[in-house]
């Protein structure tokens, strides 16, 4: 199961204001249901993510929640609106 979120901020180990004990990257997300959470992002996507991107977060039970896809453009808009419409009903 996956849930979409919009990237608000990125915390990479090389960031000016970040001190890190490892090489992982995290993203602060606004989720479709208006929750805010910070999750890891797959290292293969970490350098590609930008604030405003829509990402899909893996919500599979027993796994850490990790952003595994970046969705941009019209596809991102349609994905976000589908979830928001459901929540606002």
PDB file of N, CA and C in Angstrom:
ATOM      1  N   UNK A   1       0.855  -1.168   0.000  1.00  0.00           N
ATOM      2  CA  UNK A   1       0.000   0.000   0.000  1.00  0.00           C
ATOM      3  C   UNK A   1       0.900   1.230   0.000  1.00  0.00           C
ATOM      4  N   UNK A   2       0.523   2.216  -0.789  1.00  0.00           N
ATOM      5  CA  UNK A   2       1.309   3.439  -0.930  1.00  0.00           C
ATOM      6  C   UNK A   2       0.414   4.652  -0.701  1.00  0.00           C
ATOM      7  N   UNK A   3       0.993   5.706  -0.115  1.00  0.00           N
ATOM      8  CA  UNK A   3       0.277   6.963   0.095  1.00  0.00           C
ATOM      9  C   UNK A   3       1.116   8.100  -0.479  1.00  0.00           C
ATOM     10  N   UNK A   4       0.466   9.107  -1.122  1.00  0.00           N
ATOM     11  CA  UNK A   4       1.215  10.232  -1.668  1.00  0.00           C
ATOM     12  C   UNK A   4       1.438  11.329  -0.628  1.00  0.00           C
ATOM     13  N   UNK A   5       2.554  12.004  -0.794  1.00  0.00           N
ATOM     14  CA  UNK A   5       2.871  13.164   0.021  1.00  0.00           C
ATOM     15  C   UNK A   5       3.619  14.182  -0.822  1.00  0.00           C
ATOM     16  N   UNK A   6       3.542  15.447  -0.430  1.00  0.00           N
ATOM     17  CA  UNK A   6       4.274  16.511  -1.113  1.00  0.00           C
ATOM     18  C   UNK A   6       5.516  16.840  -0.294  1.00  0.00           C
ATOM     19  N   UNK A   7       6.664  16.858  -0.961  1.00  0.00           N
ATOM     20  CA  UNK A   7       7.929  17.162  -0.294  1.00  0.00           C
ATOM     21  C   UNK A   7       7.934  18.631   0.117  1.00  0.00           C
ATOM     22  N   UNK A   8       8.119  18.857   1.410  1.00  0.00           N
ATOM     23  CA  UNK A   8       8.204  20.221   1.933  1.00  0.00           C
ATOM     24  C   UNK A   8       9.660  20.621   2.181  1.00  0.00           C
ATOM     25  N   UNK A   9      10.461  19.658   2.634  1.00  0.00           N
ATOM     26  CA  UNK A   9      11.850  19.940   2.987  1.00  0.00           C
ATOM     27  C   UNK A   9      12.650  18.655   2.867  1.00  0.00           C
ATOM     28  N   UNK A  10      13.943  18.781   2.568  1.00  0.00           N
ATOM     29  CA  UNK A  10      14.824  17.627   2.396  1.00  0.00           C
ATOM     30  C   UNK A  10      15.974  17.742   3.386  1.00  0.00           C
ATOM     31  N   UNK A  11      16.262  16.643   4.063  1.00  0.00           N
ATOM     32  CA  UNK A  11      17.347  16.598   5.043  1.00  0.00           C
ATOM     33  C   UNK A  11      18.397  15.604   4.556  1.00  0.00           C
ATOM     34  N   UNK A  12      19.405  16.107   3.856  1.00  0.00           N
ATOM     35  CA  UNK A  12      20.463  15.238   3.340  1.00  0.00           C
ATOM     36  C   UNK A  12      21.691  15.358   4.233  1.00  0.00           C
ATOM     37  N   UNK A  13      22.506  14.300   4.291  1.00  0.00           N
ATOM     38  CA  UNK A  13      23.653  14.315   5.196  1.00  0.00           C
ATOM     39  C   UNK A  13      24.659  15.415   4.874  1.00  0.00           C
ATOM     40  N   UNK A  14      24.673  15.905   3.653  1.00  0.00           N
ATOM     41  CA  UNK A  14      25.606  16.962   3.277  1.00  0.00           C
ATOM     42  C   UNK A  14      25.026  18.359   3.380  1.00  0.00           C
ATOM     43  N   UNK A  15      23.792  18.476   3.888  1.00  0.00           N
ATOM     44  CA  UNK A  15      23.149  19.782   3.993  1.00  0.00           C
ATOM     45  C   UNK A  15      23.873  20.710   4.957  1.00  0.00           C
ATOM     46  N   UNK A  16      23.857  22.018   4.663  1.00  0.00           N
ATOM     47  CA  UNK A  16      24.550  23.003   5.498  1.00  0.00           C
ATOM     48  C   UNK A  16      24.088  22.978   6.949  1.00  0.00           C
ATOM     49  N   UNK A  17      22.795  22.805   7.172  1.00  0.00           N
ATOM     50  CA  UNK A  17      22.238  22.872   8.525  1.00  0.00           C
ATOM     51  C   UNK A  17      21.999  21.499   9.125  1.00  0.00           C
ATOM     52  N   UNK A  18      22.539  20.459   8.505  1.00  0.00           N
ATOM     53  CA  UNK A  18      22.296  19.089   8.961  1.00  0.00           C
ATOM     54  C   UNK A  18      23.610  18.453   9.389  1.00  0.00           C
ATOM     55  N   UNK A  19      23.604  17.838  10.539  1.00  0.00           N
ATOM     56  CA  UNK A  19      24.715  16.995  10.990  1.00  0.00           C
ATOM     57  C   UNK A  19      24.164  15.589  11.049  1.00  0.00           C
ATOM     58  N   UNK A  20      24.853  14.644  10.446  1.00  0.00           N
ATOM     59  CA  UNK A  20      24.298  13.309  10.294  1.00  0.00           C
ATOM     60  C   UNK A  20      25.262  12.240  10.781  1.00  0.00           C
ATOM     61  N   UNK A  21      24.693  11.187  11.357  1.00  0.00           N
ATOM     62  CA  UNK A  21      25.501  10.045  11.792  1.00  0.00           C
ATOM     63  C   UNK A  21      25.566   8.975  10.710  1.00  0.00           C
ATOM     64  N   UNK A  22      24.831   9.178   9.606  1.00  0.00           N
ATOM     65  CA  UNK A  22      24.823   8.193   8.524  1.00  0.00           C
ATOM     66  C   UNK A  22      24.679   8.905   7.184  1.00  0.00           C
ATOM     67  N   UNK A  23      24.488   8.146   6.126  1.00  0.00           N
ATOM     68  CA  UNK A  23      24.397   8.731   4.787  1.00  0.00           C
ATOM     69  C   UNK A  23      22.975   8.769   4.244  1.00  0.00           C
ATOM     70  N   UNK A  24      21.993   8.502   5.101  1.00  0.00           N
ATOM     71  CA  UNK A  24      20.605   8.477   4.634  1.00  0.00           C
ATOM     72  C   UNK A  24      20.045   9.894   4.494  1.00  0.00           C
ATOM     73  N   UNK A  25      18.991  10.011   3.682  1.00  0.00           N
ATOM     74  CA  UNK A  25      18.297  11.277   3.462  1.00  0.00           C
ATOM     75  C   UNK A  25      16.843  11.110   3.874  1.00  0.00           C
ATOM     76  N   UNK A  26      16.289  12.128   4.525  1.00  0.00           N
ATOM     77  CA  UNK A  26      14.887  12.125   4.920  1.00  0.00           C
ATOM     78  C   UNK A  26      14.179  13.302   4.253  1.00  0.00           C
ATOM     79  N   UNK A  27      12.843  13.159   4.109  1.00  0.00           N
ATOM     80  CA  UNK A  27      12.024  14.230   3.549  1.00  0.00           C
ATOM     81  C   UNK A  27      10.859  14.516   4.486  1.00  0.00           C
ATOM     82  N   UNK A  28      10.581  15.803   4.684  1.00  0.00           N
ATOM     83  CA  UNK A  28       9.405  16.237   5.429  1.00  0.00           C
ATOM     84  C   UNK A  28       8.270  16.318   4.425  1.00  0.00           C
ATOM     85  N   UNK A  29       7.161  15.630   4.716  1.00  0.00           N
ATOM     86  CA  UNK A  29       6.055  15.528   3.774  1.00  0.00           C
ATOM     87  C   UNK A  29       4.755  16.049   4.356  1.00  0.00           C
ATOM     88  N   UNK A  30       3.976  16.714   3.510  1.00  0.00           N
ATOM     89  CA  UNK A  30       2.572  16.967   3.809  1.00  0.00           C
ATOM     90  C   UNK A  30       1.823  15.843   3.124  1.00  0.00           C
ATOM     91  N   UNK A  31       1.126  15.030   3.910  1.00  0.00           N
ATOM     92  CA  UNK A  31       0.421  13.890   3.348  1.00  0.00           C
ATOM     93  C   UNK A  31      -0.949  14.326   2.843  1.00  0.00           C
ATOM     94  N   UNK A  32      -1.563  13.496   2.038  1.00  0.00           N
ATOM     95  CA  UNK A  32      -2.852  13.796   1.407  1.00  0.00           C
ATOM     96  C   UNK A  32      -3.949  14.065   2.428  1.00  0.00           C
ATOM     97  N   UNK A  33      -3.833  13.508   3.644  1.00  0.00           N
ATOM     98  CA  UNK A  33      -4.856  13.702   4.678  1.00  0.00           C
ATOM     99  C   UNK A  33      -4.471  14.808   5.658  1.00  0.00           C
ATOM    100  N   UNK A  34      -3.553  15.680   5.236  1.00  0.00           N
ATOM    101  CA  UNK A  34      -3.087  16.842   5.993  1.00  0.00           C
ATOM    102  C   UNK A  34      -2.187  16.510   7.169  1.00  0.00           C
ATOM    103  N   UNK A  35      -1.795  15.249   7.338  1.00  0.00           N
ATOM    104  CA  UNK A  35      -0.766  14.924   8.318  1.00  0.00           C
ATOM    105  C   UNK A  35       0.581  15.390   7.784  1.00  0.00           C
ATOM    106  N   UNK A  36       1.504  15.631   8.698  1.00  0.00           N
ATOM    107  CA  UNK A  36       2.876  15.958   8.318  1.00  0.00           C
ATOM    108  C   UNK A  36       3.763  14.901   8.952  1.00  0.00           C
ATOM    109  N   UNK A  37       4.676  14.348   8.151  1.00  0.00           N
ATOM    110  CA  UNK A  37       5.590  13.350   8.697  1.00  0.00           C
ATOM    111  C   UNK A  37       6.920  13.407   7.963  1.00  0.00           C
ATOM    112  N   UNK A  38       7.931  12.895   8.624  1.00  0.00           N
ATOM    113  CA  UNK A  38       9.257  12.803   8.029  1.00  0.00           C
ATOM    114  C   UNK A  38       9.567  11.328   7.818  1.00  0.00           C
ATOM    115  N   UNK A  39       9.944  10.991   6.588  1.00  0.00           N
ATOM    116  CA  UNK A  39      10.269   9.604   6.249  1.00  0.00           C
ATOM    117  C   UNK A  39      11.589   9.586   5.493  1.00  0.00           C
ATOM    118  N   UNK A  40      12.199   8.413   5.445  1.00  0.00           N
ATOM    119  CA  UNK A  40      13.381   8.246   4.617  1.00  0.00           C
ATOM    120  C   UNK A  40      12.991   8.253   3.151  1.00  0.00           C
ATOM    121  N   UNK A  41      13.954   8.546   2.297  1.00  0.00           N
ATOM    122  CA  UNK A  41      13.736   8.444   0.853  1.00  0.00           C
ATOM    123  C   UNK A  41      14.807   7.523   0.296  1.00  0.00           C
ATOM    124  N   UNK A  42      14.410   6.656  -0.600  1.00  0.00           N
ATOM    125  CA  UNK A  42      15.346   5.712  -1.198  1.00  0.00           C
ATOM    126  C   UNK A  42      16.572   6.468  -1.713  1.00  0.00           C
ATOM    127  N   UNK A  43      17.750   5.968  -1.413  1.00  0.00           N
ATOM    128  CA  UNK A  43      18.990   6.658  -1.778  1.00  0.00           C
ATOM    129  C   UNK A  43      19.108   6.893  -3.282  1.00  0.00           C
ATOM    130  N   UNK A  44      18.480   6.053  -4.094  1.00  0.00           N
ATOM    131  CA  UNK A  44      18.536   6.244  -5.548  1.00  0.00           C
ATOM    132  C   UNK A  44      17.710   7.448  -5.992  1.00  0.00           C
ATOM    133  N   UNK A  45      16.828   7.946  -5.124  1.00  0.00           N
ATOM    134  CA  UNK A  45      15.988   9.103  -5.445  1.00  0.00           C
ATOM    135  C   UNK A  45      16.396  10.356  -4.678  1.00  0.00           C
ATOM    136  N   UNK A  46      17.232  10.198  -3.674  1.00  0.00           N
ATOM    137  CA  UNK A  46      17.532  11.292  -2.749  1.00  0.00           C
ATOM    138  C   UNK A  46      18.055  12.543  -3.452  1.00  0.00           C
ATOM    139  N   UNK A  47      18.892  12.388  -4.461  1.00  0.00           N
ATOM    140  CA  UNK A  47      19.446  13.569  -5.136  1.00  0.00           C
ATOM    141  C   UNK A  47      18.488  14.154  -6.166  1.00  0.00           C
ATOM    142  N   UNK A  48      17.427  13.430  -6.504  1.00  0.00           N
ATOM    143  CA  UNK A  48      16.453  13.896  -7.491  1.00  0.00           C
ATOM    144  C   UNK A  48      15.291  14.666  -6.869  1.00  0.00           C
ATOM    145  N   UNK A  49      14.981  14.387  -5.609  1.00  0.00           N
ATOM    146  CA  UNK A  49      13.810  14.982  -4.954  1.00  0.00           C
ATOM    147  C   UNK A  49      13.988  16.487  -4.776  1.00  0.00           C
ATOM    148  N   UNK A  50      12.886  17.207  -4.959  1.00  0.00           N
ATOM    149  CA  UNK A  50      12.863  18.656  -4.793  1.00  0.00           C
ATOM    150  C   UNK A  50      11.613  19.041  -4.017  1.00  0.00           C
ATOM    151  N   UNK A  51      11.659  20.136  -3.248  1.00  0.00           N
ATOM    152  CA  UNK A  51      10.434  20.609  -2.607  1.00  0.00           C
ATOM    153  C   UNK A  51       9.342  20.812  -3.661  1.00  0.00           C
ATOM    154  N   UNK A  52       8.136  20.376  -3.330  1.00  0.00           N
ATOM    155  CA  UNK A  52       7.014  20.466  -4.256  1.00  0.00           C
ATOM    156  C   UNK A  52       6.747  19.178  -5.013  1.00  0.00           C
ATOM    157  N   UNK A  53       7.713  18.267  -5.038  1.00  0.00           N
ATOM    158  CA  UNK A  53       7.492  16.973  -5.689  1.00  0.00           C
ATOM    159  C   UNK A  53       6.463  16.169  -4.914  1.00  0.00           C
ATOM    160  N   UNK A  54       5.698  15.379  -5.632  1.00  0.00           N
ATOM    161  CA  UNK A  54       4.813  14.399  -5.008  1.00  0.00           C
ATOM    162  C   UNK A  54       5.571  13.082  -4.988  1.00  0.00           C
ATOM    163  N   UNK A  55       5.614  12.435  -3.828  1.00  0.00           N
ATOM    164  CA  UNK A  55       6.271  11.136  -3.712  1.00  0.00           C
ATOM    165  C   UNK A  55       5.267  10.102  -3.232  1.00  0.00           C
ATOM    166  N   UNK A  56       5.519   8.859  -3.573  1.00  0.00           N
ATOM    167  CA  UNK A  56       4.727   7.747  -3.057  1.00  0.00           C
ATOM    168  C   UNK A  56       5.516   7.094  -1.935  1.00  0.00           C
ATOM    169  N   UNK A  57       4.871   6.950  -0.779  1.00  0.00           N
ATOM    170  CA  UNK A  57       5.513   6.375   0.397  1.00  0.00           C
ATOM    171  C   UNK A  57       4.991   4.962   0.599  1.00  0.00           C
ATOM    172  N   UNK A  58       5.902   4.022   0.766  1.00  0.00           N
ATOM    173  CA  UNK A  58       5.559   2.620   0.985  1.00  0.00           C
ATOM    174  C   UNK A  58       5.036   2.454   2.410  1.00  0.00           C
ATOM    175  N   UNK A  59       3.768   2.104   2.539  1.00  0.00           N
ATOM    176  CA  UNK A  59       3.124   1.893   3.833  1.00  0.00           C
ATOM    177  C   UNK A  59       2.951   0.409   4.143  1.00  0.00           C
ATOM    178  N   UNK A  60       3.702  -0.451   3.462  1.00  0.00           N
ATOM    179  CA  UNK A  60       3.596  -1.879   3.707  1.00  0.00           C
ATOM    180  C   UNK A  60       3.873  -2.166   5.176  1.00  0.00           C
ATOM    181  N   UNK A  61       3.019  -2.970   5.776  1.00  0.00           N
ATOM    182  CA  UNK A  61       3.162  -3.281   7.194  1.00  0.00           C
ATOM    183  C   UNK A  61       4.517  -3.925   7.462  1.00  0.00           C
ATOM    184  N   UNK A  62       5.114  -3.585   8.577  1.00  0.00           N
ATOM    185  CA  UNK A  62       6.385  -4.131   9.060  1.00  0.00           C
ATOM    186  C   UNK A  62       7.611  -3.598   8.334  1.00  0.00           C
ATOM    187  N   UNK A  63       7.460  -2.700   7.399  1.00  0.00           N
ATOM    188  CA  UNK A  63       8.610  -2.094   6.739  1.00  0.00           C
ATOM    189  C   UNK A  63       8.706  -0.636   7.152  1.00  0.00           C
ATOM    190  N   UNK A  64       9.914  -0.087   7.122  1.00  0.00           N
ATOM    191  CA  UNK A  64       9.999   1.359   7.366  1.00  0.00           C
ATOM    192  C   UNK A  64       9.314   2.100   6.228  1.00  0.00           C
ATOM    193  N   UNK A  65       8.742   3.234   6.529  1.00  0.00           N
ATOM    194  CA  UNK A  65       8.085   4.042   5.494  1.00  0.00           C
ATOM    195  C   UNK A  65       9.153   4.804   4.718  1.00  0.00           C
ATOM    196  N   UNK A  66       9.252   4.505   3.442  1.00  0.00           N
ATOM    197  CA  UNK A  66      10.277   5.091   2.589  1.00  0.00           C
ATOM    198  C   UNK A  66       9.626   5.593   1.309  1.00  0.00           C
ATOM    199  N   UNK A  67       9.994   6.807   0.908  1.00  0.00           N
ATOM    200  CA  UNK A  67       9.527   7.326  -0.379  1.00  0.00           C
ATOM    201  C   UNK A  67      10.245   6.558  -1.481  1.00  0.00           C
ATOM    202  N   UNK A  68       9.460   5.935  -2.356  1.00  0.00           N
ATOM    203  CA  UNK A  68      10.039   5.064  -3.381  1.00  0.00           C
ATOM    204  C   UNK A  68       9.827   5.569  -4.804  1.00  0.00           C
ATOM    205  N   UNK A  69       8.999   6.587  -4.996  1.00  0.00           N
ATOM    206  CA  UNK A  69       8.736   7.140  -6.323  1.00  0.00           C
ATOM    207  C   UNK A  69       8.597   8.655  -6.217  1.00  0.00           C
ATOM    208  N   UNK A  70       9.048   9.355  -7.250  1.00  0.00           N
ATOM    209  CA  UNK A  70       8.785  10.783  -7.409  1.00  0.00           C
ATOM    210  C   UNK A  70       7.834  10.913  -8.587  1.00  0.00           C
ATOM    211  N   UNK A  71       6.742  11.633  -8.387  1.00  0.00           N
ATOM    212  CA  UNK A  71       5.759  11.827  -9.454  1.00  0.00           C
ATOM    213  C   UNK A  71       5.656  13.328  -9.706  1.00  0.00           C
ATOM    214  N   UNK A  72       5.803  13.730 -10.962  1.00  0.00           N
ATOM    215  CA  UNK A  72       5.778  15.158 -11.286  1.00  0.00           C
ATOM    216  C   UNK A  72       4.730  15.455 -12.346  1.00  0.00           C
ATOM    217  N   UNK A  73       4.468  16.730 -12.550  1.00  0.00           N
ATOM    218  CA  UNK A  73       3.607  17.178 -13.642  1.00  0.00           C
ATOM    219  C   UNK A  73       2.150  16.805 -13.457  1.00  0.00           C
ATOM    220  N   UNK A  74       1.483  16.540 -14.568  1.00  0.00           N
ATOM    221  CA  UNK A  74       0.057  16.262 -14.566  1.00  0.00           C
ATOM    222  C   UNK A  74      -0.270  15.005 -13.765  1.00  0.00           C
ATOM    223  N   UNK A  75       0.595  13.998 -13.833  1.00  0.00           N
ATOM    224  CA  UNK A  75       0.357  12.770 -13.073  1.00  0.00           C
ATOM    225  C   UNK A  75       0.354  13.056 -11.570  1.00  0.00           C
ATOM    226  N   UNK A  76       1.268  13.909 -11.114  1.00  0.00           N
ATOM    227  CA  UNK A  76       1.316  14.275  -9.698  1.00  0.00           C
ATOM    228  C   UNK A  76       0.041  15.006  -9.292  1.00  0.00           C
ATOM    229  N   UNK A  77      -0.402  15.918 -10.132  1.00  0.00           N
ATOM    230  CA  UNK A  77      -1.614  16.686  -9.833  1.00  0.00           C
ATOM    231  C   UNK A  77      -2.828  15.769  -9.729  1.00  0.00           C
ATOM    232  N   UNK A  78      -2.978  14.850 -10.680  1.00  0.00           N
ATOM    233  CA  UNK A  78      -4.114  13.926 -10.663  1.00  0.00           C
ATOM    234  C   UNK A  78      -4.069  13.018  -9.433  1.00  0.00           C
ATOM    235  N   UNK A  79      -2.889  12.527  -9.099  1.00  0.00           N
ATOM    236  CA  UNK A  79      -2.732  11.660  -7.931  1.00  0.00           C
ATOM    237  C   UNK A  79      -3.123  12.398  -6.659  1.00  0.00           C
ATOM    238  N   UNK A  80      -2.587  13.608  -6.490  1.00  0.00           N
ATOM    239  CA  UNK A  80      -2.856  14.407  -5.290  1.00  0.00           C
ATOM    240  C   UNK A  80      -4.341  14.732  -5.176  1.00  0.00           C
ATOM    241  N   UNK A  81      -4.951  15.157  -6.268  1.00  0.00           N
ATOM    242  CA  UNK A  81      -6.366  15.533  -6.247  1.00  0.00           C
ATOM    243  C   UNK A  81      -7.271  14.343  -5.950  1.00  0.00           C
ATOM    244  N   UNK A  82      -6.913  13.162  -6.433  1.00  0.00           N
ATOM    245  CA  UNK A  82      -7.721  11.967  -6.165  1.00  0.00           C
ATOM    246  C   UNK A  82      -7.769  11.670  -4.671  1.00  0.00           C
ATOM    247  N   UNK A  83      -6.643  11.750  -3.997  1.00  0.00           N
ATOM    248  CA  UNK A  83      -6.613  11.495  -2.561  1.00  0.00           C
ATOM    249  C   UNK A  83      -7.301  12.609  -1.785  1.00  0.00           C
ATOM    250  N   UNK A  84      -7.028  13.861  -2.138  1.00  0.00           N
ATOM    251  CA  UNK A  84      -7.636  14.986  -1.424  1.00  0.00           C
ATOM    252  C   UNK A  84      -9.152  14.965  -1.566  1.00  0.00           C
ATOM    253  N   UNK A  85      -9.655  14.645  -2.749  1.00  0.00           N
ATOM    254  CA  UNK A  85     -11.092  14.585  -2.978  1.00  0.00           C
ATOM    255  C   UNK A  85     -11.725  13.539  -2.062  1.00  0.00           C
ATOM    256  N   UNK A  86     -11.092  12.409  -1.921  1.00  0.00           N
ATOM    257  CA  UNK A  86     -11.595  11.344  -1.056  1.00  0.00           C
ATOM    258  C   UNK A  86     -11.635  11.813   0.402  1.00  0.00           C
ATOM    259  N   UNK A  87     -10.596  12.501   0.847  1.00  0.00           N
ATOM    260  CA  UNK A  87     -10.487  12.959   2.231  1.00  0.00           C
ATOM    261  C   UNK A  87     -11.528  14.027   2.545  1.00  0.00           C
ATOM    262  N   UNK A  88     -11.829  14.895   1.598  1.00  0.00           N
ATOM    263  CA  UNK A  88     -12.719  16.033   1.833  1.00  0.00           C
ATOM    264  C   UNK A  88     -14.193  15.673   1.760  1.00  0.00           C
ATOM    265  N   UNK A  89     -14.514  14.445   1.381  1.00  0.00           N
ATOM    266  CA  UNK A  89     -15.926  14.019   1.283  1.00  0.00           C
ATOM    267  C   UNK A  89     -16.511  13.836   2.655  1.00  0.00           C
TER     268      UNK A  89
END
